[in-house]
Amino acid sequence: MIRAGLLALVLLAAAPAGAVQLDEILPDPALEARARALSQGLRCPVCRNESIDESHADVARDLRLVLRERLVAGDSDDEAVAFIVARYGEYVLLNPTTGGSNLLLWLAGPAMLGAGGLIAALYLRRRSRGDAPGAVALTEDESRRLADILKQ
């Protein structure tokens, strides 16, 4: 009996700690599974990079409840997520879309890397040719003086 209790305690301790409270859980297991899957892809507006499924913030709880209300009302997964995104913006998506204005953000990193690589390549190419900026050829007097100095 004691072993079974210890085993249950160890299993409970090893389970992932979610923030979903008992009064939020839907009676339909299929709907609850959908809600949990969707809430793991939605970011808490208060917490940094934490899903609403993991967050203990009040706004995360409100979002979990709204999501479950939408699913109970008969919304599809996409409709329920779109409902929340329409109110909170694309910031709530842990995996933002790659279209629209986000495309600029997705392309900015590789574009800056390419521009930096091009600038570095041009600099190294110019440097290897010996084209130093501001370099002036020696006059005849300077050339003779240099030759005299080197002879000594």
Protein backbone atom coordinates (compact mmCIF):
# COMPACT_ATOMS: atom_id res chain seq x y z
CA MET A 1 0.00 0.00 0.00
CA ILE A 2 2.80 2.39 0.90
CA ARG A 3 4.68 1.47 -2.26
CA ALA A 4 1.65 2.26 -4.41
CA GLY A 5 1.31 5.65 -2.71
CA LEU A 6 4.99 6.43 -3.26
CA LEU A 7 4.76 5.36 -6.88
CA ALA A 8 1.75 7.63 -7.42
CA LEU A 9 3.62 10.53 -5.80
CA VAL A 10 6.67 9.99 -8.02
CA LEU A 11 4.50 9.83 -11.13
CA LEU A 12 2.69 13.03 -10.18
CA ALA A 13 5.98 14.81 -9.53
CA ALA A 14 7.31 13.73 -12.93
CA ALA A 15 4.24 15.01 -14.80
CA PRO A 16 4.61 18.38 -16.52
CA ALA A 17 3.36 21.20 -14.33
CA GLY A 18 0.62 23.03 -16.20
CA ALA A 19 -1.32 26.02 -15.05
CA VAL A 20 -4.73 24.71 -16.09
CA GLN A 21 -6.97 24.68 -13.04
CA LEU A 22 -9.59 22.07 -12.31
CA ASP A 23 -12.52 24.46 -12.90
CA GLU A 24 -11.22 25.15 -16.43
CA ILE A 25 -11.14 21.54 -17.59
CA LEU A 26 -13.92 20.61 -19.99
CA PRO A 27 -16.04 17.51 -19.25
CA ASP A 28 -15.58 16.24 -22.83
CA PRO A 29 -12.09 14.66 -23.06
CA ALA A 30 -11.87 15.23 -26.83
CA LEU A 31 -12.63 18.94 -26.49
CA GLU A 32 -10.21 19.23 -23.57
CA ALA A 33 -7.46 17.57 -25.61
CA ARG A 34 -8.08 20.05 -28.46
CA ALA A 35 -8.04 22.97 -26.01
CA ARG A 36 -4.76 21.80 -24.46
CA ALA A 37 -3.15 21.34 -27.87
CA LEU A 38 -4.24 24.81 -29.01
CA SER A 39 -3.29 26.53 -25.76
CA GLN A 40 0.26 25.19 -26.05
CA GLY A 41 0.65 27.18 -29.27
CA LEU A 42 -0.64 30.46 -27.82
CA ARG A 43 1.68 32.85 -25.98
CA CYS A 44 0.72 34.56 -22.75
CA PRO A 45 0.67 38.34 -23.40
CA VAL A 46 2.20 38.97 -19.96
CA CYS A 47 4.84 36.25 -19.73
CA ARG A 48 7.87 36.02 -21.97
CA ASN A 49 7.70 33.11 -24.39
CA GLU A 50 5.45 31.01 -22.18
CA SER A 51 2.32 29.37 -23.49
CA ILE A 52 -1.04 30.08 -21.90
CA ASP A 53 -1.12 26.40 -20.94
CA GLU A 54 1.97 26.91 -18.71
CA SER A 55 1.36 30.45 -17.48
CA HIS A 56 -0.18 31.28 -14.13
CA ALA A 57 -1.00 34.88 -15.13
CA ASP A 58 -4.62 36.03 -14.90
CA VAL A 59 -4.73 37.00 -18.58
CA ALA A 60 -3.52 33.49 -19.53
CA ARG A 61 -6.37 32.01 -17.51
CA ASP A 62 -8.81 34.32 -19.31
CA LEU A 63 -7.42 33.23 -22.67
CA ARG A 64 -7.72 29.55 -21.71
CA LEU A 65 -11.36 30.14 -20.75
CA VAL A 66 -12.12 32.06 -23.97
CA LEU A 67 -10.49 29.30 -26.02
CA ARG A 68 -12.58 26.64 -24.30
CA GLU A 69 -15.76 28.72 -24.75
CA ARG A 70 -15.08 28.99 -28.47
CA LEU A 71 -14.50 25.23 -28.77
CA VAL A 72 -17.69 24.46 -26.83
CA ALA A 73 -19.56 26.90 -29.12
CA GLY A 74 -18.54 24.72 -32.07
CA ASP A 75 -15.60 26.67 -33.55
CA SER A 76 -12.93 24.74 -35.41
CA ASP A 77 -9.35 24.92 -34.19
CA ASP A 78 -8.47 27.59 -36.77
CA GLU A 79 -11.56 29.66 -35.94
CA ALA A 80 -10.86 29.58 -32.20
CA VAL A 81 -7.23 30.65 -32.69
CA ALA A 82 -8.28 33.33 -35.21
CA PHE A 83 -10.76 34.68 -32.64
CA ILE A 84 -7.98 35.15 -30.08
CA VAL A 85 -5.49 36.51 -32.64
CA ALA A 86 -8.09 39.06 -33.80
CA ARG A 87 -8.29 40.45 -30.27
CA TYR A 88 -4.65 40.21 -29.13
CA GLY A 89 -2.71 40.36 -32.40
CA GLU A 90 -0.22 37.90 -33.84
CA TYR A 91 1.98 38.35 -30.77
CA VAL A 92 -0.03 35.60 -29.04
CA LEU A 93 1.13 33.02 -31.57
CA LEU A 94 4.22 31.16 -30.38
CA ASN A 95 4.91 30.26 -34.03
CA PRO A 96 4.09 33.43 -36.00
CA THR A 97 3.01 33.25 -39.62
CA THR A 98 5.48 33.92 -42.42
CA GLY A 99 3.15 36.10 -44.49
CA GLY A 100 2.15 39.73 -44.56
CA SER A 101 4.19 42.19 -42.51
CA ASN A 102 5.96 39.30 -40.76
CA LEU A 103 7.64 38.44 -44.04
CA LEU A 104 9.82 41.53 -43.64
CA LEU A 105 10.94 40.29 -40.21
CA TRP A 106 11.63 36.78 -41.49
CA LEU A 107 13.75 38.10 -44.37
CA ALA A 108 15.56 40.87 -42.48
CA GLY A 109 18.02 38.53 -40.75
CA PRO A 110 19.24 36.70 -43.85
CA ALA A 111 19.33 39.99 -45.80
CA MET A 112 21.52 41.65 -43.16
CA LEU A 113 23.79 38.60 -43.04
CA GLY A 114 24.15 38.69 -46.83
CA ALA A 115 24.86 42.43 -46.83
CA GLY A 116 27.50 42.01 -44.12
CA GLY A 117 29.12 39.18 -46.06
CA LEU A 118 29.18 41.26 -49.24
CA ILE A 119 30.76 44.22 -47.44
CA ALA A 120 33.37 41.96 -45.85
CA ALA A 121 34.18 40.32 -49.19
CA LEU A 122 34.58 43.69 -50.93
CA TYR A 123 36.77 44.98 -48.11
CA LEU A 124 39.03 41.92 -48.18
CA ARG A 125 39.26 42.01 -51.97
CA ARG A 126 40.24 45.67 -51.97
CA ARG A 127 42.72 45.09 -49.16
CA SER A 128 44.40 42.18 -50.96
CA ARG A 129 44.95 44.33 -54.07
CA GLY A 130 46.87 46.85 -51.96
CA ASP A 131 44.55 49.75 -52.74
CA ALA A 132 45.05 51.55 -49.45
CA PRO A 133 42.92 54.65 -49.17
CA GLY A 134 44.93 57.87 -49.23
CA ALA A 135 48.13 56.19 -50.52
CA VAL A 136 50.19 58.52 -52.72
CA ALA A 137 53.13 57.58 -54.92
CA LEU A 138 56.56 58.88 -53.87
CA THR A 139 58.06 61.83 -55.71
CA GLU A 140 61.52 61.52 -57.36
CA ASP A 141 63.23 63.31 -54.47
CA GLU A 142 61.57 61.01 -51.95
CA SER A 143 62.50 57.93 -53.98
CA ARG A 144 66.20 59.00 -54.11
CA ARG A 145 66.22 59.77 -50.40
CA LEU A 146 64.68 56.35 -49.63
CA ALA A 147 67.25 54.64 -51.82
CA ASP A 148 70.06 56.48 -49.97
CA ILE A 149 68.65 55.46 -46.61
CA LEU A 150 68.36 51.83 -47.65
CA LYS A 151 71.99 51.75 -48.88
CA GLN A 152 73.28 52.72 -45.44
